[in-house]
């Protein structure tokens, strides 16, 4: 599968040097699903969808997710919230890459200790800030942070529904940010993708 990455900050030369081209996406998916499993020990992301139902909020989900690495390979069990960081397998040591390869074709996840040891090398970007998606101010966040994206299709909403969704997003993202930053000792950021 060929994916569109935004931002595309992967080091293609390093990927080639490490002979990762063939397995790169599979290694990314293994790491991403293991990281998400680790994060689900702190937050039940599917409870977000349950909360939306309880509040009787109309939030149309984004249906076209093909070629979107972040949405298509999510294991967070939410129709709206996705882990948005790029997964830089190429930044790992050969030993760490070999460990992921050894887990690639079985059903086990990478262990939590490995995730904690490598998370910053894998998800952090270079520089001070990075744009996730279109390079506009609302998509710019600290490059050294865990990033989540709240995605929905605003084209299907009325003005009132859009306002309710944004209020809901602001409340949820604020409380999750505080909780996760305290729990994980890492900066957490949220971006809103309204489908436009």
Protein backbone atom coordinates (compact mmCIF):
# COMPACT_ATOMS: atom_id res chain seq x y z
CA UNK A 1 0.00 0.00 0.00
CA UNK A 2 1.25 3.47 -0.86
CA UNK A 3 0.26 6.08 1.70
CA UNK A 4 0.14 9.85 1.64
CA UNK A 5 1.97 11.16 4.70
CA UNK A 6 1.41 14.70 5.88
CA UNK A 7 3.94 15.86 6.79
CA UNK A 8 6.24 13.57 4.84
CA UNK A 9 9.29 13.91 7.06
CA UNK A 10 10.72 10.44 6.57
CA UNK A 11 14.43 10.07 5.86
CA UNK A 12 14.31 8.09 2.60
CA UNK A 13 18.11 7.81 2.41
CA UNK A 14 18.26 6.26 5.87
CA UNK A 15 15.38 3.92 5.04
CA UNK A 16 17.37 2.72 1.99
CA UNK A 17 20.64 2.41 3.94
CA UNK A 18 18.87 0.20 6.49
CA UNK A 19 17.20 -1.88 3.73
CA UNK A 20 13.77 -1.11 5.14
CA UNK A 21 11.89 -0.19 1.94
CA UNK A 22 10.14 -3.54 1.62
CA UNK A 23 8.99 -3.86 5.24
CA UNK A 24 8.79 -0.21 6.25
CA UNK A 25 4.98 0.14 6.31
CA UNK A 26 4.55 -3.18 8.12
CA UNK A 27 7.11 -2.11 10.74
CA UNK A 28 5.30 1.22 11.14
CA UNK A 29 1.95 -0.51 11.61
CA UNK A 30 3.40 -2.92 14.19
CA UNK A 31 4.92 -0.05 16.17
CA UNK A 32 1.81 2.14 15.86
CA UNK A 33 -0.59 -0.59 17.00
CA UNK A 34 1.70 -1.38 19.96
CA UNK A 35 1.94 2.29 20.91
CA UNK A 36 -1.85 2.62 20.69
CA UNK A 37 -2.31 -0.49 22.84
CA UNK A 38 0.02 1.09 25.38
CA UNK A 39 -1.97 4.36 25.30
CA UNK A 40 -5.24 2.46 25.80
CA UNK A 41 -3.97 1.45 29.24
CA UNK A 42 -4.48 5.08 30.16
CA UNK A 43 -7.52 6.07 28.08
CA UNK A 44 -10.48 4.10 26.73
CA UNK A 45 -10.70 5.87 23.40
CA UNK A 46 -13.88 4.03 22.43
CA UNK A 47 -15.57 5.70 25.40
CA UNK A 48 -15.33 8.94 23.42
CA UNK A 49 -17.71 7.48 20.83
CA UNK A 50 -20.00 6.26 23.63
CA UNK A 51 -20.02 9.76 25.12
CA UNK A 52 -21.00 11.22 21.73
CA UNK A 53 -23.97 8.80 21.59
CA UNK A 54 -25.02 9.68 25.14
CA UNK A 55 -24.91 13.40 24.39
CA UNK A 56 -26.91 12.72 21.21
CA UNK A 57 -24.42 14.73 19.19
CA UNK A 58 -24.52 14.42 15.42
CA UNK A 59 -20.88 14.07 14.40
CA UNK A 60 -20.57 12.65 10.88
CA UNK A 61 -17.51 10.46 10.58
CA UNK A 62 -15.05 10.88 7.73
CA UNK A 63 -15.70 7.97 5.39
CA UNK A 64 -12.90 8.28 2.83
CA UNK A 65 -9.85 7.09 4.74
CA UNK A 66 -8.06 5.09 2.03
CA UNK A 67 -4.40 6.04 1.58
CA UNK A 68 -4.49 7.86 4.92
CA UNK A 69 -1.95 5.99 7.03
CA UNK A 70 -3.06 7.56 10.32
CA UNK A 71 -6.77 6.75 10.00
CA UNK A 72 -6.63 3.52 8.05
CA UNK A 73 -4.27 1.83 10.52
CA UNK A 74 -5.78 3.07 13.75
CA UNK A 75 -6.50 0.59 16.53
CA UNK A 76 -7.86 3.13 19.04
CA UNK A 77 -11.44 1.94 18.45
CA UNK A 78 -12.75 5.43 17.82
CA UNK A 79 -14.44 6.75 14.70
CA UNK A 80 -13.21 10.26 15.45
CA UNK A 81 -9.91 10.29 17.35
CA UNK A 82 -6.65 9.10 15.80
CA UNK A 83 -2.96 9.08 16.66
CA UNK A 84 -1.41 11.50 14.18
CA UNK A 85 2.35 11.26 14.69
CA UNK A 86 4.56 9.92 11.94
CA UNK A 87 6.20 6.62 12.90
CA UNK A 88 9.92 7.03 12.23
CA UNK A 89 11.19 3.45 12.33
CA UNK A 90 14.30 4.66 10.48
CA UNK A 91 15.40 6.55 13.63
CA UNK A 92 15.80 3.34 15.63
CA UNK A 93 18.95 1.30 16.14
CA UNK A 94 19.48 -1.84 14.07
CA UNK A 95 18.90 -3.87 17.23
CA UNK A 96 15.56 -2.15 17.89
CA UNK A 97 14.50 -2.63 14.26
CA UNK A 98 15.41 -6.31 14.51
CA UNK A 99 13.21 -6.63 17.59
CA UNK A 100 10.22 -5.18 15.71
CA UNK A 101 10.94 -7.51 12.78
CA UNK A 102 10.95 -10.49 15.16
CA UNK A 103 7.43 -9.53 16.30
CA UNK A 104 6.15 -8.66 12.85
CA UNK A 105 4.39 -11.84 11.85
CA UNK A 106 2.94 -12.94 15.15
CA UNK A 107 0.07 -11.48 17.10
CA UNK A 108 2.05 -10.14 20.02
CA UNK A 109 2.61 -6.46 20.58
CA UNK A 110 5.92 -4.77 21.23
CA UNK A 111 6.45 -4.64 24.97
CA UNK A 112 5.70 -1.48 26.94
CA UNK A 113 9.30 -1.07 28.07
CA UNK A 114 10.40 -0.95 24.43
CA UNK A 115 7.70 1.63 23.61
CA UNK A 116 8.73 3.83 26.55
CA UNK A 117 12.41 3.56 25.58
CA UNK A 118 11.87 4.43 21.90
CA UNK A 119 8.76 6.64 21.73
CA UNK A 120 10.59 9.96 21.49
CA UNK A 121 12.94 8.69 18.74
CA UNK A 122 9.99 7.33 16.77
CA UNK A 123 7.30 10.02 17.03
CA UNK A 124 9.20 13.28 17.54
CA UNK A 125 9.97 15.45 14.51
CA UNK A 126 12.97 17.68 13.89
CA UNK A 127 12.77 21.41 14.60
CA UNK A 128 10.57 23.22 17.08
CA UNK A 129 7.18 22.94 15.40
CA UNK A 130 5.54 20.86 12.68
CA UNK A 131 2.38 21.16 10.59
CA UNK A 132 0.03 18.17 10.52
CA UNK A 133 -1.92 18.49 7.30
CA UNK A 134 -2.33 21.82 5.53
CA UNK A 135 0.33 24.27 6.75
CA UNK A 136 -1.95 26.70 8.58
CA UNK A 137 -1.71 27.94 12.16
CA UNK A 138 -4.32 25.58 13.65
CA UNK A 139 -2.31 22.56 12.37
CA UNK A 140 1.01 23.70 13.85
CA UNK A 141 2.12 21.98 17.07
CA UNK A 142 5.26 21.31 19.06
CA UNK A 143 7.35 18.81 17.10
CA UNK A 144 8.29 17.06 20.37
CA UNK A 145 4.79 15.94 21.31
CA UNK A 146 2.27 13.15 21.06
CA UNK A 147 -0.37 14.33 18.58
CA UNK A 148 -4.00 13.26 18.19
CA UNK A 149 -6.36 14.31 15.43
CA UNK A 150 -10.11 14.66 15.87
CA UNK A 151 -11.67 13.99 12.45
CA UNK A 152 -15.22 14.50 11.21
CA UNK A 153 -17.05 15.67 8.10
CA UNK A 154 -18.29 19.22 8.70
CA UNK A 155 -19.84 19.45 5.22
CA UNK A 156 -22.72 17.32 6.55
CA UNK A 157 -23.38 19.58 9.56
CA UNK A 158 -25.59 22.57 10.19
CA UNK A 159 -24.02 25.71 11.69
CA UNK A 160 -25.44 24.77 15.12
CA UNK A 161 -24.09 21.21 14.89
CA UNK A 162 -20.64 22.53 13.88
CA UNK A 163 -20.62 24.81 16.91
CA UNK A 164 -21.63 21.94 19.24
CA UNK A 165 -18.94 19.68 17.78
CA UNK A 166 -16.22 22.31 18.26
CA UNK A 167 -17.31 22.89 21.88
CA UNK A 168 -17.28 19.13 22.49
CA UNK A 169 -13.83 18.84 20.86
CA UNK A 170 -12.43 21.72 22.96
CA UNK A 171 -13.67 20.12 26.20
CA UNK A 172 -12.51 16.60 25.35
CA UNK A 173 -9.11 17.60 23.99
CA UNK A 174 -8.42 19.82 26.99
CA UNK A 175 -9.22 17.11 29.55
CA UNK A 176 -7.40 14.35 27.64
CA UNK A 177 -4.35 16.59 27.17
CA UNK A 178 -4.08 17.29 30.90
CA UNK A 179 -4.59 13.67 31.88
CA UNK A 180 -2.18 12.17 29.35
CA UNK A 181 0.56 14.75 29.96
CA UNK A 182 0.42 14.03 33.66
CA UNK A 183 0.30 10.24 33.14
CA UNK A 184 2.97 9.96 30.45
CA UNK A 185 5.21 12.93 31.24
CA UNK A 186 5.16 13.95 27.57
CA UNK A 187 3.56 16.95 25.84
CA UNK A 188 0.27 16.11 24.11
CA UNK A 189 -1.40 18.12 21.35
CA UNK A 190 -4.67 17.86 19.46
CA UNK A 191 -5.60 19.05 16.00
CA UNK A 192 -9.08 19.33 14.53
CA UNK A 193 -9.74 18.04 11.02
CA UNK A 194 -13.21 19.08 9.86
CA UNK A 195 -12.88 17.36 6.47
CA UNK A 196 -12.29 20.51 4.41
